[in-house]
Amino acid sequence: MKNRKEKLLDGLDLTNLVGAEIGPLHNPLVSKNQGHVIYVDHCDAEQLRKKYANHCNVNLEALQVDAVWGLHTLQQGIVSFRHSTMSWHPMSLNTSQTW
């Protein structure tokens, strides 16, 4: 029987897709070395570290946020991330193939 991660990622070629993972906190479904993933949350990593500072089950060192959804739409947050990293990681936002 497949576990949750295997079911969600079944049939996806992570090396050839760009995906957004919403709210991964310290335990993302897809790691950066598995594929091009944009971690999206309601605030930046520093704010999350403050929010979860007293939670013993949260690895504060592992928190990563690439795009902040916050007051923007999800698309605006991702587009903002894309523009800020364009010179280092050119990518297109293809909504037909996401995971």
Protein backbone atom coordinates (compact mmCIF):
# COMPACT_ATOMS: atom_id res chain seq x y z
CA MET A 1 0.00 0.00 0.00
CA LYS A 2 1.33 3.43 -0.97
CA ASN A 3 1.93 6.07 1.68
CA ARG A 4 0.57 9.63 1.41
CA LYS A 5 3.64 11.00 -0.36
CA GLU A 6 3.74 8.16 -2.89
CA LYS A 7 0.04 8.64 -3.68
CA LEU A 8 0.37 12.41 -4.17
CA LEU A 9 3.47 12.20 -6.34
CA ASP A 10 2.57 9.05 -8.28
CA GLY A 11 3.32 9.46 -11.98
CA LEU A 12 4.95 12.89 -11.68
CA ASP A 13 8.43 13.48 -13.06
CA LEU A 14 9.61 16.01 -10.48
CA THR A 15 12.81 16.73 -12.37
CA ASN A 16 10.84 18.18 -15.31
CA LEU A 17 8.11 20.08 -13.45
CA VAL A 18 7.87 23.27 -11.42
CA GLY A 19 5.64 23.03 -8.40
CA ALA A 20 4.46 25.12 -5.50
CA GLU A 21 4.06 23.60 -2.07
CA ILE A 22 1.83 25.59 0.25
CA GLY A 23 2.68 25.67 3.94
CA PRO A 24 5.39 23.00 4.10
CA LEU A 25 6.72 24.45 7.37
CA HIS A 26 9.76 22.28 8.26
CA ASN A 27 8.64 19.11 6.52
CA PRO A 28 8.00 19.65 2.80
CA LEU A 29 6.51 16.92 0.64
CA VAL A 30 9.09 17.62 -2.09
CA SER A 31 12.61 18.71 -1.18
CA LYS A 32 14.66 21.13 -3.25
CA ASN A 33 16.98 18.31 -4.36
CA GLN A 34 14.01 16.29 -5.71
CA GLY A 35 12.66 18.97 -8.03
CA HIS A 36 12.07 22.64 -8.67
CA VAL A 37 9.68 23.50 -5.89
CA ILE A 38 8.58 26.91 -4.63
CA TYR A 39 7.68 26.92 -0.94
CA VAL A 40 4.77 29.27 -0.29
CA ASP A 41 3.52 30.39 3.10
CA HIS A 42 1.46 33.17 4.68
CA CYS A 43 4.60 34.93 5.98
CA ASP A 44 8.36 34.76 5.56
CA ALA A 45 10.65 32.22 7.25
CA GLU A 46 11.78 34.64 9.96
CA GLN A 47 8.18 35.30 11.02
CA LEU A 48 7.50 31.55 11.03
CA ARG A 49 10.55 31.00 13.24
CA LYS A 50 9.18 33.54 15.72
CA LYS A 51 5.70 32.03 15.58
CA TYR A 52 6.94 28.47 16.21
CA ALA A 53 9.86 29.34 18.52
CA ASN A 54 8.28 27.46 21.44
CA HIS A 55 7.04 24.46 19.47
CA CYS A 56 9.41 21.59 20.19
CA ASN A 57 8.21 19.57 17.19
CA VAL A 58 9.16 22.21 14.61
CA ASN A 59 12.70 22.26 13.25
CA LEU A 60 13.25 26.02 12.94
CA GLU A 61 16.50 25.52 11.02
CA ALA A 62 14.67 23.68 8.23
CA LEU A 63 12.08 26.40 7.56
CA GLN A 64 12.22 27.76 4.01
CA VAL A 65 9.84 30.21 2.35
CA ASP A 66 10.36 31.27 -1.25
CA ALA A 67 7.11 33.14 -1.84
CA VAL A 68 4.77 34.83 0.62
CA TRP A 69 1.08 34.47 -0.07
CA GLY A 70 0.07 36.87 2.75
CA LEU A 71 -1.95 39.78 1.46
CA HIS A 72 -1.53 38.75 -2.18
CA THR A 73 -3.13 36.07 -4.28
CA LEU A 74 -1.20 32.85 -4.68
CA GLN A 75 -0.38 33.77 -8.28
CA GLN A 76 0.97 37.19 -7.23
CA GLY A 77 3.18 35.58 -4.58
CA ILE A 78 4.64 33.09 -7.02
CA VAL A 79 5.08 35.67 -9.78
CA SER A 80 6.86 37.93 -7.27
CA PHE A 81 9.21 35.05 -6.41
CA ARG A 82 9.77 34.32 -10.09
CA HIS A 83 10.72 37.92 -10.82
CA SER A 84 13.08 38.12 -7.84
CA THR A 85 14.96 34.99 -8.96
CA MET A 86 14.76 35.39 -12.74
CA SER A 87 18.46 36.01 -13.21
CA TRP A 88 19.41 32.88 -11.24
CA HIS A 89 16.62 30.41 -11.97
CA PRO A 90 14.71 31.21 -15.16
CA MET A 91 11.40 29.38 -15.24
CA SER A 92 7.95 29.68 -16.66
CA LEU A 93 4.77 29.36 -14.70
CA ASN A 94 2.96 26.52 -16.43
CA THR A 95 -0.30 25.98 -14.59
CA SER A 96 -1.19 22.97 -16.72
CA GLN A 97 1.50 20.80 -15.08
CA THR A 98 1.75 21.38 -11.36
CA TRP A 99 1.92 19.06 -8.41
